[in-house]
Amino acid sequence: MLSCEDPKDVIVGWGDSMMKASLSKTSILDVIEEELGVSTYNFGQGALKSDQVAVLQGGLPFYLTPNDTVISANSELPLMPVDIEPFNDFGTQEYDGMIQDMSGSLARIHVPGDGSLLKHFLFKRGYSWVEKQVEDTVVFKFDNAQKYKESMTLIWAGRNDDKSNGKRENTIENIAKMVNALQGSAKNKYLVLSICNGKSDKEGKDTIAHERILNLNEMLKDKFNGHFIDVRTYMVKQAIYDMNISPTPTDLADIEKDCIPSIFFADNVHLNELGNIALGKYMAKVIQEKGWLD
């Protein structure tokens, strides 16, 4: 990010693989940037549940327990996560941030020879000559979460959550905490995107998955009102026509089953480049109509 760029003038996205645009070289944020001429930053990460997204975004704290009560000057401190930890094998393995008043970076450490096994985290303290006392439980504050808490924000999370009865409330709560973490003008300049169902043979009309996703989206709409954007319905019913594409019989059958047309899918769940372009153009129009950039 350029030093002269004000975080309040950029748009950031937090979410899972849908935000990241897994299996596509173009994300909705890439399209928004091109359409609106505004800088965007994509903090989506594959396979995350909404509570993990909230930890990265700053809505939920990232608690860790250090293995020592003191960290020496310019040294490293091993720690273990207390409960939720946002790292996985698909995303970034080291983040800049702070513990107490100490700047540094937090890295995920693996067992030698087995890169998939998490052993502990390592806080690498920034330049300092002062030894510091460390609390029994610490919170790591991610630099990105602190830097962009006043930025215009898109939240697209919950696809990987348990959507069964009694569990959908957890998604609502996690996203609400992300919204609560926003500051300044971002408290009004944020959008929560609906969850999209996958291909019609798996998550079409009359399936349990379809019913649960629609129920979750209704809850998101009720909670976030004018900040909720029903991207699922747009992609099902309107996107193919806005892109001036003649639907095939397969696409029409998908629409009949209340599913996104197959032409927009990279696999059973994720949008391909065409799908992300269609949705990105729609989101750019929504943002423009909101007057965020005036």
C-alpha atoms as a PDB file:
ATOM      1  CA  MET A   1       0.000   0.000   0.000  1.00  0.00           C
ATOM      2  CA  LEU A   2       1.302   3.447  -0.864  1.00  0.00           C
ATOM      3  CA  SER A   3       2.177   5.541   2.175  1.00  0.00           C
ATOM      4  CA  CYS A   4       0.119   8.467   0.854  1.00  0.00           C
ATOM      5  CA  GLU A   5      -3.026   6.363   0.517  1.00  0.00           C
ATOM      6  CA  ASP A   6      -5.655   6.868   3.196  1.00  0.00           C
ATOM      7  CA  PRO A   7      -7.174   3.550   4.411  1.00  0.00           C
ATOM      8  CA  LYS A   8     -10.575   5.283   4.511  1.00  0.00           C
ATOM      9  CA  ASP A   9     -10.404   5.653   0.714  1.00  0.00           C
ATOM     10  CA  VAL A  10      -9.919   1.954  -0.054  1.00  0.00           C
ATOM     11  CA  ILE A  11     -12.248  -1.046  -0.048  1.00  0.00           C
ATOM     12  CA  VAL A  12     -11.247  -4.209   1.803  1.00  0.00           C
ATOM     13  CA  GLY A  13     -12.763  -7.663   1.705  1.00  0.00           C
ATOM     14  CA  TRP A  14     -12.817 -10.226   4.519  1.00  0.00           C
ATOM     15  CA  GLY A  15     -14.003 -13.765   4.028  1.00  0.00           C
ATOM     16  CA  ASP A  16     -13.287 -17.296   2.905  1.00  0.00           C
ATOM     17  CA  SER A  17     -12.490 -18.817  -0.490  1.00  0.00           C
ATOM     18  CA  MET A  18     -15.461 -17.081  -2.106  1.00  0.00           C
ATOM     19  CA  MET A  19     -13.918 -13.704  -1.299  1.00  0.00           C
ATOM     20  CA  LYS A  20     -10.433 -14.919  -2.125  1.00  0.00           C
ATOM     21  CA  ALA A  21     -11.741 -16.241  -5.466  1.00  0.00           C
ATOM     22  CA  SER A  22     -10.205 -19.683  -5.245  1.00  0.00           C
ATOM     23  CA  LEU A  23      -9.975 -21.360  -8.675  1.00  0.00           C
ATOM     24  CA  SER A  24     -10.216 -17.991 -10.442  1.00  0.00           C
ATOM     25  CA  LYS A  25      -7.544 -15.468 -11.357  1.00  0.00           C
ATOM     26  CA  THR A  26     -10.052 -12.655 -10.839  1.00  0.00           C
ATOM     27  CA  SER A  27     -11.884 -11.802  -7.609  1.00  0.00           C
ATOM     28  CA  ILE A  28     -14.909  -9.550  -7.164  1.00  0.00           C
ATOM     29  CA  LEU A  29     -12.573  -6.993  -5.572  1.00  0.00           C
ATOM     30  CA  ASP A  30     -10.373  -6.965  -8.675  1.00  0.00           C
ATOM     31  CA  VAL A  31     -13.440  -6.114 -10.730  1.00  0.00           C
ATOM     32  CA  ILE A  32     -14.627  -3.472  -8.252  1.00  0.00           C
ATOM     33  CA  GLU A  33     -11.204  -1.824  -8.410  1.00  0.00           C
ATOM     34  CA  GLU A  34     -11.265  -1.739 -12.195  1.00  0.00           C
ATOM     35  CA  GLU A  35     -14.873  -0.535 -12.401  1.00  0.00           C
ATOM     36  CA  LEU A  36     -14.659   2.192  -9.758  1.00  0.00           C
ATOM     37  CA  GLY A  37     -10.999   3.224  -9.898  1.00  0.00           C
ATOM     38  CA  VAL A  38     -10.519   2.655  -6.163  1.00  0.00           C
ATOM     39  CA  SER A  39      -7.817   0.566  -4.486  1.00  0.00           C
ATOM     40  CA  THR A  40      -9.002  -2.724  -2.987  1.00  0.00           C
ATOM     41  CA  TYR A  41      -7.360  -5.229  -0.652  1.00  0.00           C
ATOM     42  CA  ASN A  42      -8.487  -8.830  -0.477  1.00  0.00           C
ATOM     43  CA  PHE A  43      -8.041 -10.581   2.871  1.00  0.00           C
ATOM     44  CA  GLY A  44     -10.082 -13.636   1.948  1.00  0.00           C
ATOM     45  CA  GLN A  45      -8.591 -17.002   2.845  1.00  0.00           C
ATOM     46  CA  GLY A  46      -9.728 -20.442   1.788  1.00  0.00           C
ATOM     47  CA  ALA A  47     -11.474 -22.900   4.125  1.00  0.00           C
ATOM     48  CA  LEU A  48     -12.034 -20.425   6.959  1.00  0.00           C
ATOM     49  CA  LYS A  49     -15.174 -20.475   9.069  1.00  0.00           C
ATOM     50  CA  SER A  50     -16.744 -17.180  10.077  1.00  0.00           C
ATOM     51  CA  ASP A  51     -15.161 -17.171  13.544  1.00  0.00           C
ATOM     52  CA  GLN A  52     -11.709 -17.531  11.969  1.00  0.00           C
ATOM     53  CA  VAL A  53     -12.442 -14.695   9.554  1.00  0.00           C
ATOM     54  CA  ALA A  54     -13.531 -12.599  12.544  1.00  0.00           C
ATOM     55  CA  VAL A  55     -10.201 -13.265  14.279  1.00  0.00           C
ATOM     56  CA  LEU A  56      -8.213 -12.048  11.262  1.00  0.00           C
ATOM     57  CA  GLN A  57     -10.496  -9.039  10.871  1.00  0.00           C
ATOM     58  CA  GLY A  58     -10.308  -8.048  14.537  1.00  0.00           C
ATOM     59  CA  GLY A  59     -13.898  -8.785  15.521  1.00  0.00           C
ATOM     60  CA  LEU A  60     -12.776 -11.641  17.750  1.00  0.00           C
ATOM     61  CA  PRO A  61      -9.541 -11.670  19.784  1.00  0.00           C
ATOM     62  CA  PHE A  62      -6.768 -14.138  19.014  1.00  0.00           C
ATOM     63  CA  TYR A  63      -5.756 -15.466  22.446  1.00  0.00           C
ATOM     64  CA  LEU A  64      -2.451 -17.274  22.949  1.00  0.00           C
ATOM     65  CA  THR A  65      -0.532 -18.566  25.942  1.00  0.00           C
ATOM     66  CA  PRO A  66       3.251 -17.928  25.935  1.00  0.00           C
ATOM     67  CA  ASN A  67       5.684 -20.541  27.209  1.00  0.00           C
ATOM     68  CA  ASP A  68       7.647 -17.916  29.149  1.00  0.00           C
ATOM     69  CA  THR A  69       6.853 -14.892  31.303  1.00  0.00           C
ATOM     70  CA  VAL A  70       9.605 -12.748  29.753  1.00  0.00           C
ATOM     71  CA  ILE A  71      10.624 -11.944  26.199  1.00  0.00           C
ATOM     72  CA  SER A  72      14.153 -10.679  25.788  1.00  0.00           C
ATOM     73  CA  ALA A  73      15.210  -7.875  23.472  1.00  0.00           C
ATOM     74  CA  ASN A  74      15.091  -8.887  19.795  1.00  0.00           C
ATOM     75  CA  SER A  75      14.120 -12.459  20.646  1.00  0.00           C
ATOM     76  CA  GLU A  76      11.405 -14.974  19.797  1.00  0.00           C
ATOM     77  CA  LEU A  77       8.593 -16.295  21.967  1.00  0.00           C
ATOM     78  CA  PRO A  78       6.750 -19.611  21.380  1.00  0.00           C
ATOM     79  CA  LEU A  79       2.998 -19.561  22.063  1.00  0.00           C
ATOM     80  CA  MET A  80       0.009 -21.881  21.839  1.00  0.00           C
ATOM     81  CA  PRO A  81      -3.490 -20.829  20.701  1.00  0.00           C
ATOM     82  CA  VAL A  82      -6.188 -20.902  23.383  1.00  0.00           C
ATOM     83  CA  ASP A  83      -9.235 -21.622  21.200  1.00  0.00           C
ATOM     84  CA  ILE A  84      -9.913 -20.176  17.727  1.00  0.00           C
ATOM     85  CA  GLU A  85      -6.903 -19.880  15.465  1.00  0.00           C
ATOM     86  CA  PRO A  86      -7.205 -18.453  11.952  1.00  0.00           C
ATOM     87  CA  PHE A  87      -4.222 -20.149  10.330  1.00  0.00           C
ATOM     88  CA  ASN A  88      -4.650 -23.139   8.032  1.00  0.00           C
ATOM     89  CA  ASP A  89      -2.712 -24.861   5.271  1.00  0.00           C
ATOM     90  CA  PHE A  90      -4.324 -22.717   2.541  1.00  0.00           C
ATOM     91  CA  GLY A  91      -3.325 -19.228   3.600  1.00  0.00           C
ATOM     92  CA  THR A  92      -0.607 -16.985   4.925  1.00  0.00           C
ATOM     93  CA  GLN A  93       1.623 -18.596   7.537  1.00  0.00           C
ATOM     94  CA  GLU A  94       3.022 -15.416   9.066  1.00  0.00           C
ATOM     95  CA  TYR A  95       1.348 -12.117   9.960  1.00  0.00           C
ATOM     96  CA  ASP A  96       2.627  -8.780  11.229  1.00  0.00           C
ATOM     97  CA  GLY A  97       1.042  -7.428  14.375  1.00  0.00           C
ATOM     98  CA  MET A  98       1.410  -6.726  18.078  1.00  0.00           C
ATOM     99  CA  ILE A  99       1.408  -8.514  21.424  1.00  0.00           C
ATOM    100  CA  GLN A 100       0.831  -6.118  24.318  1.00  0.00           C
ATOM    101  CA  ASP A 101       2.826  -3.061  23.153  1.00  0.00           C
ATOM    102  CA  MET A 102       5.417  -5.083  21.213  1.00  0.00           C
ATOM    103  CA  SER A 103       5.486  -5.060  17.427  1.00  0.00           C
ATOM    104  CA  GLY A 104       6.603  -8.098  15.510  1.00  0.00           C
ATOM    105  CA  SER A 105       5.300 -11.020  13.489  1.00  0.00           C
ATOM    106  CA  LEU A 106       3.523 -14.242  14.356  1.00  0.00           C
ATOM    107  CA  ALA A 107       4.438 -17.359  12.428  1.00  0.00           C
ATOM    108  CA  ARG A 108       2.835 -20.780  12.362  1.00  0.00           C
ATOM    109  CA  ILE A 109       5.472 -23.397  13.187  1.00  0.00           C
ATOM    110  CA  HIS A 110       5.244 -26.928  11.835  1.00  0.00           C
ATOM    111  CA  VAL A 111       6.746 -30.226  12.864  1.00  0.00           C
ATOM    112  CA  PRO A 112       9.920 -30.757  10.793  1.00  0.00           C
ATOM    113  CA  GLY A 113       9.207 -33.141   7.930  1.00  0.00           C
ATOM    114  CA  ASP A 114       5.447 -32.803   8.258  1.00  0.00           C
ATOM    115  CA  GLY A 115       4.318 -29.398   7.045  1.00  0.00           C
ATOM    116  CA  SER A 116       0.655 -30.025   7.830  1.00  0.00           C
ATOM    117  CA  LEU A 117       1.038 -30.522  11.590  1.00  0.00           C
ATOM    118  CA  LEU A 118       0.749 -27.413  13.723  1.00  0.00           C
ATOM    119  CA  LYS A 119       2.977 -27.498  16.795  1.00  0.00           C
ATOM    120  CA  HIS A 120       2.942 -23.917  18.045  1.00  0.00           C
ATOM    121  CA  PHE A 121       3.278 -20.273  17.027  1.00  0.00           C
ATOM    122  CA  LEU A 122       6.369 -18.125  17.225  1.00  0.00           C
ATOM    123  CA  PHE A 123       6.227 -14.393  17.928  1.00  0.00           C
ATOM    124  CA  LYS A 124       9.274 -12.694  16.401  1.00  0.00           C
ATOM    125  CA  ARG A 125       9.729  -9.442  18.205  1.00  0.00           C
ATOM    126  CA  GLY A 126      10.707  -6.314  16.320  1.00  0.00           C
ATOM    127  CA  TYR A 127      13.812  -4.264  17.056  1.00  0.00           C
ATOM    128  CA  SER A 128      14.083  -3.392  20.741  1.00  0.00           C
ATOM    129  CA  TRP A 129      16.706  -3.292  23.508  1.00  0.00           C
ATOM    130  CA  VAL A 130      14.183  -3.705  26.316  1.00  0.00           C
ATOM    131  CA  GLU A 131      13.233  -6.958  28.014  1.00  0.00           C
ATOM    132  CA  LYS A 132       9.467  -7.203  28.552  1.00  0.00           C
ATOM    133  CA  GLN A 133       7.231  -9.035  30.984  1.00  0.00           C
ATOM    134  CA  VAL A 134       4.619 -11.172  29.223  1.00  0.00           C
ATOM    135  CA  GLU A 135       1.151 -11.814  30.566  1.00  0.00           C
ATOM    136  CA  ASP A 136      -0.172 -15.342  31.142  1.00  0.00           C
ATOM    137  CA  THR A 137      -2.575 -14.934  28.211  1.00  0.00           C
ATOM    138  CA  VAL A 138      -1.910 -12.474  25.388  1.00  0.00           C
ATOM    139  CA  VAL A 139      -3.842 -11.186  22.386  1.00  0.00           C
ATOM    140  CA  PHE A 140      -2.162 -10.910  18.998  1.00  0.00           C
ATOM    141  CA  LYS A 141      -3.526  -7.909  17.103  1.00  0.00           C
ATOM    142  CA  PHE A 142      -3.134  -8.254  13.342  1.00  0.00           C
ATOM    143  CA  ASP A 143      -1.733  -5.184  11.588  1.00  0.00           C
ATOM    144  CA  ASN A 144      -4.214  -5.493   8.713  1.00  0.00           C
ATOM    145  CA  ALA A 145      -7.139  -5.536  11.135  1.00  0.00           C
ATOM    146  CA  GLN A 146      -5.888  -2.388  12.853  1.00  0.00           C
ATOM    147  CA  LYS A 147      -4.889  -0.595   9.669  1.00  0.00           C
ATOM    148  CA  TYR A 148      -8.140  -1.093   7.772  1.00  0.00           C
ATOM    149  CA  LYS A 149     -10.786  -0.846  10.499  1.00  0.00           C
ATOM    150  CA  GLU A 150     -11.936   2.486   9.017  1.00  0.00           C
ATOM    151  CA  SER A 151     -11.966   1.238   5.426  1.00  0.00           C
ATOM    152  CA  MET A 152     -15.044   0.533   3.360  1.00  0.00           C
ATOM    153  CA  THR A 153     -15.618  -3.157   4.004  1.00  0.00           C
ATOM    154  CA  LEU A 154     -17.156  -6.198   2.312  1.00  0.00           C
ATOM    155  CA  ILE A 155     -17.781  -9.285   4.450  1.00  0.00           C
ATOM    156  CA  TRP A 156     -18.433 -12.603   2.705  1.00  0.00           C
ATOM    157  CA  ALA A 157     -18.206 -15.330   5.334  1.00  0.00           C
ATOM    158  CA  GLY A 158     -20.222 -18.290   6.582  1.00  0.00           C
ATOM    159  CA  ARG A 159     -20.126 -20.641   3.613  1.00  0.00           C
ATOM    160  CA  ASN A 160     -17.985 -23.110   5.621  1.00  0.00           C
ATOM    161  CA  ASP A 161     -20.058 -22.843   8.818  1.00  0.00           C
ATOM    162  CA  ASP A 162     -22.478 -25.390  10.234  1.00  0.00           C
ATOM    163  CA  LYS A 163     -25.860 -24.146   8.991  1.00  0.00           C
ATOM    164  CA  SER A 164     -28.093 -26.560  10.885  1.00  0.00           C
ATOM    165  CA  ASN A 165     -30.784 -25.403  13.293  1.00  0.00           C
ATOM    166  CA  GLY A 166     -29.271 -23.716  16.347  1.00  0.00           C
ATOM    167  CA  LYS A 167     -25.917 -23.198  14.617  1.00  0.00           C
ATOM    168  CA  ARG A 168     -26.794 -20.434  12.163  1.00  0.00           C
ATOM    169  CA  GLU A 169     -26.892 -17.960  15.041  1.00  0.00           C
ATOM    170  CA  ASN A 170     -23.135 -18.457  15.446  1.00  0.00           C
ATOM    171  CA  THR A 171     -22.535 -17.107  11.941  1.00  0.00           C
ATOM    172  CA  ILE A 172     -24.726 -14.089  12.621  1.00  0.00           C
ATOM    173  CA  GLU A 173     -22.884 -13.384  15.862  1.00  0.00           C
ATOM    174  CA  ASN A 174     -19.446 -13.684  14.273  1.00  0.00           C
ATOM    175  CA  ILE A 175     -20.308 -11.309  11.437  1.00  0.00           C
ATOM    176  CA  ALA A 176     -21.929  -8.890  13.900  1.00  0.00           C
ATOM    177  CA  LYS A 177     -18.665  -8.809  15.842  1.00  0.00           C
ATOM    178  CA  MET A 178     -16.779  -7.980  12.642  1.00  0.00           C
ATOM    179  CA  VAL A 179     -19.162  -5.101  12.033  1.00  0.00           C
ATOM    180  CA  ASN A 180     -18.736  -3.922  15.626  1.00  0.00           C
ATOM    181  CA  ALA A 181     -14.964  -3.824  15.095  1.00  0.00           C
ATOM    182  CA  LEU A 182     -15.304  -1.265  12.310  1.00  0.00           C
ATOM    183  CA  GLN A 183     -14.625   2.357  13.185  1.00  0.00           C
ATOM    184  CA  GLY A 184     -15.260   5.808  11.782  1.00  0.00           C
ATOM    185  CA  SER A 185     -17.164   6.038   8.511  1.00  0.00           C
ATOM    186  CA  ALA A 186     -16.736   2.274   7.978  1.00  0.00           C
ATOM    187  CA  LYS A 187     -19.462   1.704  10.570  1.00  0.00           C
ATOM    188  CA  ASN A 188     -21.878   2.812   7.845  1.00  0.00           C
ATOM    189  CA  LYS A 189     -19.831   1.821   4.793  1.00  0.00           C
ATOM    190  CA  TYR A 190     -19.924  -1.962   4.969  1.00  0.00           C
ATOM    191  CA  LEU A 191     -21.799  -4.694   3.123  1.00  0.00           C
ATOM    192  CA  VAL A 192     -22.557  -8.263   4.178  1.00  0.00           C
ATOM    193  CA  LEU A 193     -22.882 -10.630   1.210  1.00  0.00           C
ATOM    194  CA  SER A 194     -25.291 -13.553   1.214  1.00  0.00           C
ATOM    195  CA  ILE A 195     -24.179 -17.172   1.114  1.00  0.00           C
ATOM    196  CA  CYS A 196     -24.381 -18.833  -2.307  1.00  0.00           C
ATOM    197  CA  ASN A 197     -25.567 -22.380  -2.784  1.00  0.00           C
ATOM    198  CA  GLY A 198     -23.583 -24.626  -5.057  1.00  0.00           C
ATOM    199  CA  LYS A 199     -24.514 -26.634  -8.137  1.00  0.00           C
ATOM    200  CA  SER A 200     -28.064 -27.833  -8.551  1.00  0.00           C
ATOM    201  CA  ASP A 201     -27.386 -31.562  -8.150  1.00  0.00           C
ATOM    202  CA  LYS A 202     -26.003 -30.938  -4.646  1.00  0.00           C
ATOM    203  CA  GLU A 203     -27.662 -27.793  -3.281  1.00  0.00           C
ATOM    204  CA  GLY A 204     -30.655 -27.132  -5.483  1.00  0.00           C
ATOM    205  CA  LYS A 205     -34.250 -26.504  -4.491  1.00  0.00           C
ATOM    206  CA  ASP A 206     -35.765 -29.144  -2.185  1.00  0.00           C
ATOM    207  CA  THR A 207     -32.395 -30.163  -0.697  1.00  0.00           C
ATOM    208  CA  ILE A 208     -31.519 -29.685   2.975  1.00  0.00           C
ATOM    209  CA  ALA A 209     -28.430 -27.644   1.992  1.00  0.00           C
ATOM    210  CA  HIS A 210     -30.567 -25.236  -0.047  1.00  0.00           C
ATOM    211  CA  GLU A 211     -33.079 -24.799   2.758  1.00  0.00           C
ATOM    212  CA  ARG A 212     -30.384 -24.099   5.342  1.00  0.00           C
ATOM    213  CA  ILE A 213     -28.550 -21.591   3.152  1.00  0.00           C
ATOM    214  CA  LEU A 214     -31.756 -19.681   2.447  1.00  0.00           C
ATOM    215  CA  ASN A 215     -32.626 -19.693   6.151  1.00  0.00           C
ATOM    216  CA  LEU A 216     -29.190 -18.302   7.010  1.00  0.00           C
ATOM    217  CA  ASN A 217     -29.542 -15.606   4.357  1.00  0.00           C
ATOM    218  CA  GLU A 218     -32.902 -14.569   5.793  1.00  0.00           C
ATOM    219  CA  MET A 219     -31.264 -14.206   9.194  1.00  0.00           C
ATOM    220  CA  LEU A 220     -28.443 -12.136   7.692  1.00  0.00           C
ATOM    221  CA  LYS A 221     -30.990  -9.901   5.974  1.00  0.00           C
ATOM    222  CA  ASP A 222     -32.943  -9.410   9.202  1.00  0.00           C
ATOM    223  CA  LYS A 223     -29.787  -8.593  11.164  1.00  0.00           C
ATOM    224  CA  PHE A 224     -27.981  -6.281   8.755  1.00  0.00           C
ATOM    225  CA  ASN A 225     -30.921  -4.746   6.874  1.00  0.00           C
ATOM    226  CA  GLY A 226     -29.716  -2.248   4.255  1.00  0.00           C
ATOM    227  CA  HIS A 227     -26.137  -3.478   4.597  1.00  0.00           C
ATOM    228  CA  PHE A 228     -27.116  -6.975   3.419  1.00  0.00           C
ATOM    229  CA  ILE A 229     -26.694  -7.707  -0.295  1.00  0.00           C
ATOM    230  CA  ASP A 230     -28.402 -10.808  -1.697  1.00  0.00           C
ATOM    231  CA  VAL A 231     -25.727 -11.777  -4.186  1.00  0.00           C
ATOM    232  CA  ARG A 232     -27.063 -15.344  -4.344  1.00  0.00           C
ATOM    233  CA  THR A 233     -30.393 -14.299  -5.829  1.00  0.00           C
ATOM    234  CA  TYR A 234     -28.671 -11.905  -8.222  1.00  0.00           C
ATOM    235  CA  MET A 235     -26.341 -14.624  -9.509  1.00  0.00           C
ATOM    236  CA  VAL A 236     -29.236 -17.077  -9.889  1.00  0.00           C
ATOM    237  CA  LYS A 237     -31.781 -14.872 -11.601  1.00  0.00           C
ATOM    238  CA  GLN A 238     -30.116 -11.880 -13.239  1.00  0.00           C
ATOM    239  CA  ALA A 239     -26.348 -12.189 -13.739  1.00  0.00           C
ATOM    240  CA  ILE A 240     -26.467 -14.257 -16.926  1.00  0.00           C
ATOM    241  CA  TYR A 241     -28.713 -11.675 -18.608  1.00  0.00           C
ATOM    242  CA  ASP A 242     -26.672  -8.687 -17.412  1.00  0.00           C
ATOM    243  CA  MET A 243     -23.643 -10.345 -18.995  1.00  0.00           C
ATOM    244  CA  ASN A 244     -25.558 -10.667 -22.295  1.00  0.00           C
ATOM    245  CA  ILE A 245     -25.181 -14.446 -22.270  1.00  0.00           C
ATOM    246  CA  SER A 246     -27.813 -16.680 -23.838  1.00  0.00           C
ATOM    247  CA  PRO A 247     -28.539 -19.366 -21.234  1.00  0.00           C
ATOM    248  CA  THR A 248     -28.157 -22.969 -22.311  1.00  0.00           C
ATOM    249  CA  PRO A 249     -30.773 -25.593 -21.439  1.00  0.00           C
ATOM    250  CA  THR A 250     -28.490 -26.597 -18.561  1.00  0.00           C
ATOM    251  CA  ASP A 251     -28.331 -23.021 -17.289  1.00  0.00           C
ATOM    252  CA  LEU A 252     -32.118 -22.717 -17.467  1.00  0.00           C
ATOM    253  CA  ALA A 253     -32.497 -25.983 -15.565  1.00  0.00           C
ATOM    254  CA  ASP A 254     -30.128 -24.634 -12.897  1.00  0.00           C
ATOM    255  CA  ILE A 255     -32.173 -21.441 -12.579  1.00  0.00           C
ATOM    256  CA  GLU A 256     -35.348 -23.504 -12.297  1.00  0.00           C
ATOM    257  CA  LYS A 257     -33.737 -25.308  -9.357  1.00  0.00           C
ATOM    258  CA  ASP A 258     -32.888 -21.919  -7.779  1.00  0.00           C
ATOM    259  CA  CYS A 259     -29.171 -22.344  -8.423  1.00  0.00           C
ATOM    260  CA  ILE A 260     -26.500 -20.236 -10.058  1.00  0.00           C
ATOM    261  CA  PRO A 261     -26.136 -21.246 -13.740  1.00  0.00           C
ATOM    262  CA  SER A 262     -23.367 -23.776 -14.345  1.00  0.00           C
ATOM    263  CA  ILE A 263     -21.622 -21.376 -16.710  1.00  0.00           C
ATOM    264  CA  PHE A 264     -20.495 -19.371 -13.654  1.00  0.00           C
ATOM    265  CA  PHE A 265     -18.975 -22.264 -11.678  1.00  0.00           C
ATOM    266  CA  ALA A 266     -15.343 -23.402 -11.486  1.00  0.00           C
ATOM    267  CA  ASP A 267     -16.339 -26.468  -9.437  1.00  0.00           C
ATOM    268  CA  ASN A 268     -19.397 -27.418  -7.375  1.00  0.00           C
ATOM    269  CA  VAL A 269     -19.166 -24.301  -5.167  1.00  0.00           C
ATOM    270  CA  HIS A 270     -16.671 -21.666  -6.316  1.00  0.00           C
ATOM    271  CA  LEU A 271     -17.292 -19.098  -9.011  1.00  0.00           C
ATOM    272  CA  ASN A 272     -15.075 -19.076 -12.070  1.00  0.00           C
ATOM    273  CA  GLU A 273     -13.621 -15.932 -13.625  1.00  0.00           C
ATOM    274  CA  LEU A 274     -16.832 -15.173 -15.516  1.00  0.00           C
ATOM    275  CA  GLY A 275     -18.868 -15.563 -12.332  1.00  0.00           C
ATOM    276  CA  ASN A 276     -16.595 -13.274 -10.348  1.00  0.00           C
ATOM    277  CA  ILE A 277     -16.652 -10.682 -13.125  1.00  0.00           C
ATOM    278  CA  ALA A 278     -20.449 -10.731 -13.188  1.00  0.00           C
ATOM    279  CA  LEU A 279     -20.708 -10.415  -9.414  1.00  0.00           C
ATOM    280  CA  GLY A 280     -17.925  -7.833  -9.216  1.00  0.00           C
ATOM    281  CA  LYS A 281     -19.692  -5.616 -11.731  1.00  0.00           C
ATOM    282  CA  TYR A 282     -22.907  -5.909  -9.737  1.00  0.00           C
ATOM    283  CA  MET A 283     -21.134  -5.066  -6.467  1.00  0.00           C
ATOM    284  CA  ALA A 284     -19.443  -2.066  -8.079  1.00  0.00           C
ATOM    285  CA  LYS A 285     -22.881  -0.801  -9.097  1.00  0.00           C
ATOM    286  CA  VAL A 286     -24.200  -1.339  -5.565  1.00  0.00           C
ATOM    287  CA  ILE A 287     -21.279   0.589  -4.047  1.00  0.00           C
ATOM    288  CA  GLN A 288     -21.685   3.397  -6.557  1.00  0.00           C
ATOM    289  CA  GLU A 289     -25.394   3.660  -5.779  1.00  0.00           C
ATOM    290  CA  LYS A 290     -24.581   3.781  -2.059  1.00  0.00           C
ATOM    291  CA  GLY A 291     -22.577   6.954  -2.713  1.00  0.00           C
ATOM    292  CA  TRP A 292     -19.572   5.687  -0.806  1.00  0.00           C
ATOM    293  CA  LEU A 293     -17.097   7.273  -3.204  1.00  0.00           C
ATOM    294  CA  ASP A 294     -18.695  10.732  -3.387  1.00  0.00           C
END
